[in-house]
Protein backbone atom coordinates (compact mmCIF):
# COMPACT_ATOMS: atom_id res chain seq x y z
CA MET A 1 -54.66 24.60 -136.97
CA ARG A 2 -53.99 26.63 -140.13
CA LEU A 3 -50.66 27.97 -141.40
CA HIS A 4 -50.64 30.87 -143.85
CA TRP A 5 -47.46 30.88 -145.94
CA HIS A 6 -45.88 30.99 -149.39
CA PRO A 7 -42.77 29.16 -150.70
CA PHE A 8 -41.10 32.47 -151.68
CA SER A 9 -40.87 33.41 -148.00
CA ILE A 10 -38.05 31.92 -145.93
CA PHE A 11 -39.38 31.98 -142.38
CA PRO A 12 -42.54 29.84 -142.72
CA ARG A 13 -40.34 26.79 -143.19
CA ARG A 14 -39.29 27.08 -139.54
CA VAL A 15 -42.89 26.61 -138.48
CA ARG A 16 -43.52 23.80 -140.95
CA VAL A 17 -40.48 21.91 -139.61
CA ALA A 18 -41.62 22.36 -136.00
CA LEU A 19 -45.16 21.22 -136.79
CA ARG A 20 -43.79 18.03 -138.30
CA GLU A 21 -41.38 17.46 -135.43
CA LYS A 22 -44.31 17.88 -133.03
CA ARG A 23 -46.54 15.68 -135.23
CA LEU A 24 -49.25 18.33 -135.17
CA PRO A 25 -51.79 18.21 -138.02
CA TYR A 26 -52.51 21.49 -139.76
CA GLU A 27 -53.98 22.98 -142.91
CA ASP A 28 -51.83 24.81 -145.44
CA VAL A 29 -53.21 28.18 -146.51
CA PHE A 30 -51.20 29.50 -149.44
CA VAL A 31 -51.01 33.28 -149.57
CA ASP A 32 -50.64 34.76 -153.07
CA LEU A 33 -47.48 36.67 -152.23
CA PRO A 34 -46.51 37.74 -155.78
CA ASN A 35 -49.94 39.30 -156.34
CA GLY A 36 -50.29 41.16 -153.06
CA GLY A 37 -51.92 38.47 -150.99
CA THR A 38 -50.40 39.82 -147.77
CA ARG A 39 -51.89 43.27 -148.42
CA THR A 40 -55.53 42.29 -148.61
CA PRO A 41 -57.86 43.46 -145.81
CA GLU A 42 -58.50 39.83 -144.89
CA PHE A 43 -54.82 39.04 -144.43
CA LEU A 44 -54.04 42.32 -142.67
CA ARG A 45 -56.64 41.42 -140.07
CA LEU A 46 -54.43 38.41 -139.27
CA ASN A 47 -51.10 40.24 -139.44
CA PRO A 48 -51.26 44.04 -139.69
CA PHE A 49 -47.59 44.06 -140.74
CA GLY A 50 -48.40 42.06 -143.87
CA HIS A 51 -45.97 39.14 -143.63
CA VAL A 52 -46.13 35.37 -143.48
CA PRO A 53 -46.14 33.05 -141.60
CA VAL A 54 -49.36 33.39 -139.66
CA LEU A 55 -50.68 30.56 -137.49
CA GLU A 56 -54.34 30.19 -136.54
CA ASP A 57 -55.18 27.76 -133.76
CA ASP A 58 -58.68 27.61 -132.32
CA GLY A 59 -59.09 31.37 -132.11
CA VAL A 60 -55.42 32.14 -131.44
CA VAL A 61 -53.74 34.12 -134.24
CA LEU A 62 -49.97 34.50 -134.16
CA TYR A 63 -47.42 36.00 -136.52
CA GLU A 64 -43.59 36.14 -136.27
CA SER A 65 -42.00 32.74 -136.74
CA LEU A 66 -40.06 32.68 -133.45
CA ALA A 67 -43.18 33.51 -131.44
CA ILE A 68 -45.00 30.72 -133.25
CA LEU A 69 -42.19 28.26 -132.48
CA GLU A 70 -42.38 29.12 -128.77
CA TYR A 71 -46.17 28.77 -128.86
CA LEU A 72 -45.94 25.31 -130.45
CA GLU A 73 -43.41 24.23 -127.82
CA GLU A 74 -45.80 25.18 -125.03
CA ARG A 75 -48.84 23.79 -126.80
CA GLN A 76 -47.18 20.42 -127.48
CA PRO A 77 -44.25 19.93 -125.06
CA ASP A 78 -43.55 16.37 -126.27
CA PRO A 79 -41.31 15.86 -128.12
CA ALA A 80 -39.40 18.72 -126.54
CA LEU A 81 -37.68 21.17 -128.84
CA LEU A 82 -36.16 23.27 -126.07
CA PRO A 83 -33.65 21.86 -123.57
CA ALA A 84 -34.80 21.35 -119.99
CA GLU A 85 -31.65 22.82 -118.44
CA ARG A 86 -31.78 26.60 -118.01
CA ALA A 87 -28.43 27.53 -119.57
CA ALA A 88 -28.98 25.27 -122.58
CA ARG A 89 -32.46 26.70 -122.99
CA GLY A 90 -31.01 30.20 -122.97
CA ARG A 91 -28.40 29.13 -125.51
CA ALA A 92 -31.12 27.78 -127.79
CA ARG A 93 -33.05 31.04 -127.63
CA GLN A 94 -29.82 32.98 -128.23
CA PHE A 95 -29.30 31.17 -131.54
CA MET A 96 -32.95 31.45 -132.49
CA CYS A 97 -32.52 35.23 -132.33
CA ALA A 98 -29.07 35.27 -133.93
CA SER A 99 -30.27 33.35 -136.98
CA GLY A 100 -32.70 36.10 -137.91
CA ASP A 101 -30.73 39.08 -136.59
CA TYR A 102 -27.38 38.29 -138.21
CA LEU A 103 -27.82 35.75 -141.02
CA ALA A 104 -31.22 36.24 -142.61
CA GLY A 105 -30.52 39.84 -143.66
CA PRO A 106 -27.31 39.23 -145.63
CA LEU A 107 -28.78 36.05 -147.11
CA LYS A 108 -31.78 37.98 -148.41
CA ARG A 109 -29.48 40.63 -149.88
CA TRP A 110 -27.52 37.91 -151.65
CA LEU A 111 -30.70 36.23 -152.91
CA SER A 112 -31.83 39.46 -154.53
CA ARG A 113 -29.85 38.33 -157.57
CA ILE A 114 -32.32 35.49 -158.08
CA PHE A 115 -35.29 37.83 -158.35
CA SER A 116 -33.74 40.71 -160.29
CA PRO A 117 -31.99 41.05 -163.67
CA GLU A 118 -28.20 40.97 -163.52
CA PRO A 119 -27.66 44.58 -164.67
CA THR A 120 -29.52 45.78 -161.58
CA TRP A 121 -27.43 43.80 -159.07
CA ASP A 122 -25.70 45.80 -156.36
CA ARG A 123 -22.51 43.79 -156.57
CA PRO A 124 -20.59 45.64 -153.82
CA ASP A 125 -23.47 45.10 -151.40
CA GLN A 126 -23.70 41.44 -152.37
CA GLU A 127 -19.99 41.04 -151.66
CA ARG A 128 -20.53 42.65 -148.25
CA ALA A 129 -23.43 40.27 -147.66
CA LEU A 130 -21.22 37.32 -148.56
CA ALA A 131 -18.56 38.48 -146.10
CA GLU A 132 -21.19 38.89 -143.37
CA MET A 133 -22.48 35.38 -143.98
CA ALA A 134 -18.96 33.96 -143.90
CA ALA A 135 -18.33 35.66 -140.55
CA HIS A 136 -21.57 34.19 -139.21
CA PHE A 137 -20.55 30.72 -140.36
CA ASP A 138 -17.21 31.19 -138.61
CA VAL A 139 -19.14 31.77 -135.37
CA LEU A 140 -21.23 28.65 -135.99
CA GLU A 141 -18.09 26.62 -136.70
CA ARG A 142 -16.65 27.58 -133.31
CA GLU A 143 -19.94 27.09 -131.46
CA LEU A 144 -20.55 23.67 -133.01
CA GLY A 145 -17.14 22.33 -132.01
CA GLY A 146 -17.84 18.98 -130.32
CA ARG A 147 -21.62 19.39 -130.63
CA GLU A 148 -24.08 17.68 -132.90
CA TYR A 149 -26.58 20.52 -132.60
CA LEU A 150 -26.43 24.12 -131.40
CA ALA A 151 -27.87 23.66 -127.91
CA GLY A 152 -27.17 19.99 -127.21
CA PRO A 153 -30.06 17.92 -128.59
CA PHE A 154 -31.89 19.02 -131.72
CA SER A 155 -33.88 22.09 -130.73
CA LEU A 156 -35.68 25.19 -131.93
CA ALA A 157 -32.24 26.77 -132.33
CA ASP A 158 -31.55 24.36 -135.19
CA VAL A 159 -35.10 24.69 -136.53
CA ALA A 160 -34.61 28.45 -136.80
CA TYR A 161 -31.56 27.94 -139.02
CA VAL A 162 -33.07 25.28 -141.33
CA PRO A 163 -34.39 27.65 -144.04
CA LEU A 164 -31.17 29.66 -143.93
CA VAL A 165 -28.57 26.90 -144.24
CA CYS A 166 -30.08 23.69 -145.61
CA ASP A 167 -30.16 24.57 -149.32
CA LEU A 168 -27.09 26.76 -149.78
CA GLU A 169 -26.09 24.96 -152.96
CA LEU A 170 -29.21 26.35 -154.64
CA CYS A 171 -27.98 29.87 -153.93
CA GLY A 172 -24.42 29.35 -155.13
CA LEU A 173 -23.15 29.48 -151.54
CA GLU A 174 -21.42 26.10 -151.23
CA SER A 175 -18.21 27.99 -150.46
CA LEU A 176 -19.59 28.90 -147.04
CA VAL A 177 -19.76 25.25 -146.01
CA ALA A 178 -16.74 23.63 -147.68
CA PRO A 179 -13.99 24.96 -145.34
CA ARG A 180 -16.05 24.55 -142.16
CA PRO A 181 -16.32 20.84 -141.24
CA ALA A 182 -18.43 21.27 -138.09
CA VAL A 183 -20.97 23.37 -139.98
CA ARG A 184 -20.90 20.92 -142.89
CA ALA A 185 -21.62 17.95 -140.60
CA TRP A 186 -24.36 19.87 -138.77
CA ILE A 187 -26.13 20.78 -142.02
CA ALA A 188 -25.89 17.15 -143.14
CA ARG A 189 -27.58 16.08 -139.90
CA LEU A 190 -30.31 18.67 -140.40
CA ASN A 191 -30.86 17.55 -143.97
CA GLY A 192 -31.23 13.98 -142.76
CA ARG A 193 -34.27 14.77 -140.62
CA ASP A 194 -37.66 13.81 -142.01
CA SER A 195 -39.13 17.20 -141.12
CA VAL A 196 -36.45 19.00 -143.13
CA VAL A 197 -36.77 16.66 -146.11
CA ALA A 198 -40.56 17.07 -146.11
CA THR A 199 -40.34 20.86 -146.18
CA ARG A 200 -37.70 21.28 -148.86
CA PRO A 201 -38.68 23.77 -151.57
CA GLN A 202 -40.73 22.04 -154.25
CA GLY A 203 -38.93 20.81 -157.33
CA ILE A 204 -35.65 20.10 -155.52
């Protein structure tokens, strides 16, 4: 198994966490993202949309992190990362989608300040992004009430959120966690997992 990724990209970490949770050996293939590595003919043969992650597994080539997570669950059902009960399984998939649909976008807009000089920042849009993230965390606070994880046991729902919530202090976003105790405790549990520790961005 080979995973094509680069640390600058958020979504590959989901796959790296799942691979470790499943105890599946794989080879890292680092794509030279800053220098156009996703636009080479070789890479575009793997993913014509030119994004990481891409997983290769004995002739199977998959892109899109959520599709890869589902594939890994079916390939290696034990340990299970989706609940057995139908409603809980649906809830897990609901949050897998919500993480990318409603949190990743505003987070990326906020993070633009890290990769661009301050005079070019779109401050009004970054304030809107911050408000959108806060609203999302309000939803998570309500949904996590009385739960350790989003869908009961630790699942792909939580895996999908790992790269979006586990290092907020690095982005200057501690304020999103401080007033939300259920979210704060959930993130602490995520950060205590070996798979999350092992996939933290280098140098942290």
